[in-house]
Protein backbone atom coordinates (compact mmCIF):
# COMPACT_ATOMS: atom_id res chain seq x y z
CA MET A 1 81.75 23.37 58.72
CA VAL A 2 81.98 19.54 60.18
CA ASP A 3 81.28 19.33 64.21
CA ASP A 4 83.73 16.90 65.31
CA LYS A 5 84.96 16.76 68.64
CA ARG A 6 87.43 14.04 68.02
CA THR A 7 89.09 16.52 65.21
CA ALA A 8 88.62 19.40 67.56
CA GLN A 9 90.83 17.13 70.33
CA ILE A 10 93.58 16.27 67.59
CA ILE A 11 93.67 20.42 66.70
CA ILE A 12 94.14 21.24 70.60
CA ALA A 13 96.24 18.46 71.17
CA ALA A 14 98.67 19.61 67.98
CA ALA A 15 98.36 23.27 68.80
CA THR A 16 99.83 22.40 72.41
CA ALA A 17 102.43 20.22 70.98
CA GLY A 18 103.85 23.58 68.96
CA VAL A 19 102.71 21.92 65.52
CA ALA A 20 101.60 24.36 63.28
CA VAL A 21 98.70 25.81 63.57
CA TYR A 22 98.12 25.05 59.26
CA ALA A 23 98.65 21.97 59.82
CA ALA A 24 95.67 21.43 62.28
CA TYR A 25 93.93 23.02 60.10
CA LYS A 26 94.47 21.68 56.89
CA LEU A 27 93.61 18.08 58.69
CA PHE A 28 90.35 19.36 59.96
CA CYS A 29 89.45 20.63 55.87
CA GLN A 30 90.54 17.28 54.91
CA LYS A 31 88.03 15.48 56.99
CA SER A 32 85.36 18.41 56.03
CA CYS A 33 85.88 18.06 52.33
CA ARG A 34 85.87 14.27 52.64
CA ARG A 35 82.60 14.26 54.11
CA SER A 36 80.71 17.56 52.54
CA SER A 37 81.24 16.41 49.03
CA PRO A 38 82.38 13.91 46.52
CA THR A 39 86.61 14.21 45.59
CA PHE A 40 87.08 15.03 41.92
CA ASP A 41 87.41 11.83 40.04
CA THR A 42 90.72 12.15 38.18
CA GLY A 43 89.36 8.75 36.40
CA ALA A 44 86.22 10.72 34.79
CA PHE A 45 88.37 14.18 34.17
CA SER A 46 91.30 12.05 32.07
CA SER A 47 88.72 10.58 30.27
CA GLN A 48 87.59 13.52 28.49
CA LEU A 49 90.25 15.03 27.19
CA LYS A 50 91.60 15.12 24.13
CA THR A 51 94.35 17.14 25.11
CA GLU A 52 98.03 16.54 23.68
CA LYS A 53 99.92 18.15 27.33
CA LEU A 54 97.21 20.18 29.36
CA GLY A 55 95.65 18.03 32.01
CA ARG A 56 97.84 15.04 31.46
CA LYS A 57 99.60 15.66 34.43
CA LEU A 58 97.21 16.48 37.30
CA GLU A 59 98.70 16.71 40.89
CA TYR A 60 95.82 16.49 43.32
CA HIS A 61 95.39 18.02 47.01
CA GLU A 62 92.60 18.23 49.47
CA VAL A 63 94.13 21.11 51.41
CA VAL A 64 96.87 23.56 49.89
CA ASP A 65 97.72 27.49 50.89
CA SER A 66 97.23 28.47 47.27
CA THR A 67 97.79 25.94 43.88
CA MET A 68 99.61 29.04 42.25
CA LEU A 69 101.89 28.82 44.91
CA LEU A 70 102.17 24.99 44.90
CA ALA A 71 102.88 25.30 41.24
CA LYS A 72 105.71 28.36 41.85
CA LYS A 73 107.57 25.90 44.15
CA SER A 74 107.31 22.95 41.77
CA VAL A 75 108.38 24.97 38.37
CA THR A 76 111.41 26.59 41.01
CA LYS A 77 112.72 22.56 41.03
CA GLY A 78 113.37 23.04 37.17
CA ALA A 79 111.00 20.44 35.78
CA ASP A 80 109.22 20.20 32.35
CA LEU A 81 106.17 21.04 33.61
CA HIS A 82 104.35 22.02 30.71
CA GLY A 83 100.73 21.46 30.82
CA SER A 84 100.71 19.98 34.56
CA ILE A 85 97.61 21.07 36.53
CA PHE A 86 97.17 21.68 40.30
CA LEU A 87 93.99 21.10 41.81
CA ALA A 88 92.86 21.35 45.11
CA GLU A 89 89.27 21.30 47.03
CA HIS A 90 90.05 24.28 49.49
CA GLN A 91 92.70 26.79 49.50
CA THR A 92 93.59 28.55 52.93
CA ALA A 93 95.25 31.75 50.93
CA GLY A 94 93.74 31.61 47.29
CA LYS A 95 94.31 35.31 45.40
CA GLY A 96 92.55 36.61 42.52
CA ARG A 97 93.57 39.65 40.16
CA ARG A 98 95.04 43.07 41.90
CA GLY A 99 95.50 41.51 45.63
CA ARG A 100 91.92 40.40 46.22
CA SER A 101 91.00 36.87 48.30
CA TRP A 102 89.15 34.16 46.78
CA GLN A 103 86.75 32.84 48.45
CA SER A 104 84.75 29.18 47.61
CA SER A 105 83.33 26.05 49.59
CA ASN A 106 85.01 23.08 50.30
CA ALA A 107 84.74 20.39 47.40
CA SER A 108 82.33 21.91 45.26
CA ASN A 109 83.79 24.55 42.97
CA LEU A 110 87.13 24.42 40.59
CA MET A 111 90.34 26.07 41.94
CA PHE A 112 93.60 25.02 39.82
CA THR A 113 96.32 26.45 38.60
CA PHE A 114 98.20 25.17 35.25
CA VAL A 115 101.55 26.19 33.64
CA TRP A 116 101.78 26.91 30.13
CA THR A 117 105.72 27.08 28.87
CA VAL A 118 106.47 28.05 25.72
CA SER A 119 109.95 27.24 23.74
CA LYS A 120 112.84 29.37 24.71
CA SER A 121 113.89 29.33 21.40
CA LEU A 122 111.33 32.26 21.08
CA PRO A 123 112.86 35.37 21.21
CA GLN A 124 111.34 38.02 23.87
CA LYS A 125 108.35 39.42 21.83
CA GLU A 126 106.92 36.42 20.70
CA ALA A 127 107.43 34.60 23.80
CA MET A 128 105.53 37.41 25.66
CA GLU A 129 102.89 37.66 22.68
CA GLU A 130 102.33 34.25 23.67
CA MET A 131 101.17 34.89 27.41
CA LEU A 132 98.86 37.73 26.36
CA LYS A 133 97.27 35.46 24.06
CA LEU A 134 96.99 32.89 27.41
CA ASN A 135 95.36 35.54 29.07
CA PHE A 136 92.31 35.84 26.33
CA CYS A 137 92.22 32.23 25.76
CA ILE A 138 91.36 31.73 29.36
CA SER A 139 88.40 33.39 29.16
CA ILE A 140 87.27 32.54 26.52
CA ALA A 141 87.56 28.52 27.31
CA THR A 142 86.33 29.25 30.92
CA ALA A 143 82.96 30.57 29.36
CA PHE A 144 82.91 27.88 26.38
CA SER A 145 83.26 25.26 29.21
CA CYS A 146 80.39 27.15 31.52
CA ARG A 147 78.18 26.92 28.19
CA HIS A 148 78.77 23.35 27.73
CA VAL A 149 77.04 22.56 31.11
CA GLY A 150 74.10 25.14 30.56
CA ALA A 151 75.30 28.34 31.24
CA LYS A 152 74.23 29.22 27.97
CA HIS A 153 74.92 32.80 28.79
CA ALA A 154 77.94 32.70 30.00
CA SER A 155 80.04 35.97 28.95
CA VAL A 156 83.69 37.49 29.47
CA LYS A 157 83.68 40.71 31.46
CA TRP A 158 87.04 42.28 29.97
CA PRO A 159 89.71 41.29 31.01
CA ASN A 160 89.07 37.70 32.38
CA ASP A 161 86.45 37.29 34.49
CA VAL A 162 82.99 35.01 33.15
CA TRP A 163 79.94 36.39 34.22
CA HIS A 164 76.45 35.01 33.47
CA GLU A 165 73.27 37.21 33.94
CA GLY A 166 75.25 39.88 35.96
CA LYS A 167 76.83 37.67 38.52
CA LYS A 168 80.21 36.20 38.49
CA LEU A 169 80.89 32.42 37.82
CA SER A 170 84.68 32.86 37.44
CA GLY A 171 87.86 34.68 37.74
CA MET A 172 91.54 34.11 36.82
CA LEU A 173 95.35 35.52 37.39
CA VAL A 174 98.21 34.71 35.45
CA ASP A 175 102.07 35.31 37.10
CA LEU A 176 105.09 34.97 34.83
CA GLU A 177 107.76 33.09 35.51
CA GLY A 178 110.32 34.30 33.24
CA MET A 179 109.48 35.27 29.76
CA HIS A 180 108.30 31.66 28.79
CA THR A 181 106.60 29.89 31.75
CA ALA A 182 103.33 30.95 32.97
CA LEU A 183 101.26 30.28 35.89
CA ALA A 184 97.49 30.36 35.13
CA GLY A 185 95.24 30.24 38.51
CA VAL A 186 91.37 29.78 37.85
CA GLY A 187 88.62 29.44 39.97
CA ILE A 188 84.78 28.49 38.61
CA ASN A 189 81.73 28.46 40.91
CA VAL A 190 80.53 25.04 39.84
CA ASN A 191 78.59 23.28 42.48
CA TRP A 192 78.22 26.01 45.15
CA ASP A 193 75.41 26.53 47.28
CA ILE A 194 75.48 30.22 47.96
CA PRO A 195 72.67 31.03 51.04
CA ALA A 196 70.28 34.09 50.16
CA SER A 197 71.50 35.56 53.32
CA ASP A 198 75.04 35.37 52.12
CA PRO A 199 76.12 38.81 50.74
CA LEU A 200 78.07 37.03 47.65
CA SER A 201 74.74 35.81 46.84
CA ALA A 202 73.98 39.53 45.27
CA THR A 203 77.25 39.20 42.81
CA ALA A 204 78.17 35.51 42.65
CA THR A 205 76.45 32.87 41.19
CA SER A 206 77.77 28.57 40.00
CA LEU A 207 76.62 26.55 37.64
CA SER A 208 74.75 24.24 39.74
CA ALA A 209 72.58 27.11 40.65
CA ILE A 210 72.06 28.34 36.83
CA ALA A 211 71.60 24.39 35.89
CA GLY A 212 69.01 23.80 38.78
CA GLY A 213 71.26 20.41 39.72
CA PRO A 214 74.67 19.22 40.35
CA VAL A 215 77.48 19.57 37.29
CA SER A 216 80.08 17.42 36.85
CA ARG A 217 83.46 19.43 37.86
CA GLU A 218 85.42 16.74 35.84
CA THR A 219 83.70 17.54 32.55
CA VAL A 220 83.94 21.50 32.96
CA LEU A 221 87.64 20.84 33.91
CA ALA A 222 88.25 18.48 30.84
CA HIS A 223 86.42 20.69 28.21
CA PHE A 224 88.57 23.78 29.46
CA CYS A 225 91.88 22.08 28.88
CA ASN A 226 90.71 20.91 25.36
CA GLU A 227 89.58 24.48 24.44
CA ILE A 228 92.71 26.19 26.27
CA GLU A 229 94.81 23.80 23.44
CA ARG A 230 92.67 24.51 20.67
CA LEU A 231 92.51 28.27 20.96
CA MET A 232 96.26 28.63 21.82
CA ALA A 233 97.34 26.91 18.25
CA LEU A 234 95.35 30.15 16.71
CA PRO A 235 96.34 33.55 15.72
CA MET A 236 95.85 36.39 17.98
CA PRO A 237 93.31 37.83 15.68
CA SER A 238 91.18 34.50 15.43
CA VAL A 239 91.22 34.53 19.14
CA MET A 240 90.22 38.15 19.68
CA GLN A 241 87.67 37.45 17.11
CA GLU A 242 86.10 34.52 19.61
CA TYR A 243 86.74 36.76 22.74
CA ARG A 244 84.69 39.66 20.78
CA SER A 245 82.13 37.28 20.45
CA LEU A 246 81.91 36.25 23.92
CA ASP A 247 81.82 40.00 25.68
CA MET A 248 79.61 41.33 27.49
CA ILE A 249 80.18 44.91 28.30
CA MET A 250 80.66 46.37 24.43
CA GLY A 251 78.80 49.35 24.29
CA LYS A 252 77.32 49.84 27.46
CA ARG A 253 78.51 52.05 30.00
CA VAL A 254 81.55 51.30 32.86
CA ARG A 255 83.15 52.97 35.56
CA VAL A 256 86.76 52.83 35.36
CA HIS A 257 88.50 52.31 38.77
CA HIS A 258 92.30 52.69 39.03
CA SER A 259 92.32 51.36 42.78
CA SER A 260 90.28 48.49 43.26
CA ARG A 261 86.19 48.11 42.12
CA GLU A 262 85.25 48.37 46.22
CA THR A 263 87.52 51.42 46.71
CA ALA A 264 86.95 54.63 45.25
CA ALA A 265 89.68 56.77 44.07
CA PRO A 266 89.78 60.70 42.66
CA GLU A 267 91.10 59.55 39.09
CA ASP A 268 88.06 56.97 38.61
CA TYR A 269 85.64 58.10 35.83
CA ASP A 270 82.43 56.50 33.72
CA ALA A 271 82.97 55.66 30.13
CA VAL A 272 81.31 53.90 27.32
CA ALA A 273 83.15 51.03 26.09
CA THR A 274 83.68 51.04 22.67
CA GLY A 275 85.82 48.42 21.20
CA PHE A 276 89.21 46.20 22.10
CA ALA A 277 92.76 47.00 20.05
CA ASP A 278 94.56 44.75 18.65
CA ASP A 279 96.11 43.66 21.41
CA GLY A 280 93.32 43.05 23.73
CA GLY A 281 93.18 46.74 25.32
CA LEU A 282 89.78 47.70 25.96
CA VAL A 283 88.96 51.36 24.14
CA VAL A 284 86.41 53.53 26.14
CA GLN A 285 84.95 57.23 25.71
CA PRO A 286 85.23 58.55 28.87
CA ASP A 287 81.99 60.82 29.56
CA GLY A 288 81.93 64.36 28.25
CA SER A 289 84.84 63.40 26.35
CA THR A 290 85.24 63.06 22.34
CA ARG A 291 88.73 61.40 22.89
CA THR A 292 88.95 57.30 23.79
CA VAL A 293 91.30 55.79 26.12
CA THR A 294 92.63 52.58 25.83
CA LEU A 295 92.63 50.60 28.99
CA ARG A 296 95.31 47.26 30.81
CA GLY A 297 93.52 44.76 32.56
CA GLU A 298 96.87 44.76 34.94
CA GLU A 299 96.52 48.73 35.47
CA VAL A 300 92.40 49.25 35.96
CA SER A 301 89.37 47.61 36.81
CA ILE A 302 85.91 47.99 35.68
CA ARG A 303 82.53 46.88 36.32
CA PRO A 304 79.34 47.72 34.39
CA VAL A 305 76.68 50.50 35.52
């Protein structure tokens, strides 16, 4: 955090004048972002795109409450936003799966939401199948993008986290706006220098820590966009084949959590991951049982044990 006497005076004056605290905090973060790290180079990003739509429209902000909320507000205005990306250097209210907060340092990682739409002429069943496929394509695209810049062991932890050698690199969340529009929020730890004293250092890592130096965020995001369009053009069985090739838990014991990974519940249990259903559900065999259970990502969380 920047020690800036003038910024502090602005914040105090704004609060005294009745200006929203968020607006004052946003000003402070904007100053901090500019000083702590170079801002995102939209030109360098665009020059690496090979897509038809994804990333061709990019709305860049230094500070927002949430890129997901920003995308949601834009979609409700009725504009054609397929492929649009909303990118921020800092979020004050970023969220992950199952209501978790998403923590990130200023101007060092990738925090964005993109809009993906399918034809409104698609029947409900086919539209929902495309949205389900998108979930898995995001995980695959993220893992491949991380590998592209040096994280050679980036793998997918069902349903949609990306890990590297036991530590988390990325997470995502997809919200549906009706049957034909998805808002996909993605966070990737790129140049986050996590101090050894920070408890997060035991469970999270970044691409720069793996590579041993700064990593181009523009390259990571462009590769991600290119991969998403490639993957979404494939049928679901082909997508799942690529997903399986990146899986990190098959044949291993996992803990199945029904509330959250941080909160124990009586119905939680240990199991062995044995396969994937055709729709991407995780098939597990609970300890002490001969039966198998198919898990759904919206219902449970898992962690390796």
